[in-house]
Amino acid sequence: MEYRAFFDEIEKIVVEDELAKFLGVNKDGVIDFSYLDIVKTAGHSCGTVAGAYLIAREGLKALYSEELPRRGEIKVELKKAPVDDNAGVVAAVLSNITGATVDFGFGGIPTGKFNRRGLLFFEAEIAEDVRLTRLDTNQSVGINYRPGKVVNPMAILMSAIGPDATQEDKERFPDRFQEMVETVFNNSEKVIEVVS
């Protein structure tokens, strides 16, 4: 698959999934997610997908410090409804990485272990955009994503579809759009705010 070279420069998210180990996916249950993995499941790369990836990466770092995050053992709360400002896209990315689902995920084995349902919540009463909570310690962190500090995705989009868009604008749009995504990743410390 052909893709943008900068995807390979983005730090991977590494998690431990006891279900993967239990079912024999690998011996240690360790799974790494690249941005390209998330782009494949999302079907595209944009500021929202990039932001969700960064929310997961930086939120899990803050929540687990030096430990590997434990996939399937993390509650995910979003402040917005699924249809508000692409919160559903954010949730899909976070679900992929953390294993948390509303009611469509794996229900667990007969002992009740490995359940992934009931761990993802919309319209949560939280101050931040997203809140991640460890089920083992009940420790949580809030994360805000503010791409507007470094880019203006709507302006880039309108430059290609607006009434004044030239043929050159339309042809240049894909490159400009992915340059915008790369800018988000290159400024992760500005666009992501983690609140303990």
Foldseek 3Di string as FASTA:
>chain_A
DDDDPCQVVFDKAKAAEVVCCVVPVDPGRIDIDGLVNQCVVLVHDAQLSLQLRLCLRVFQCVVPPPDHHYALQKAKEFQADCPPPNVVSSQVSNCVVRVADAAPGDQDDPVRPSGRHPRYYYNDPDPARMKMAGNVPRDIKGKHFALVVFDDLVVLVCCQVPPPNDPVSVVCSVVVRVVSSSRCSVPVVPGMDMGD
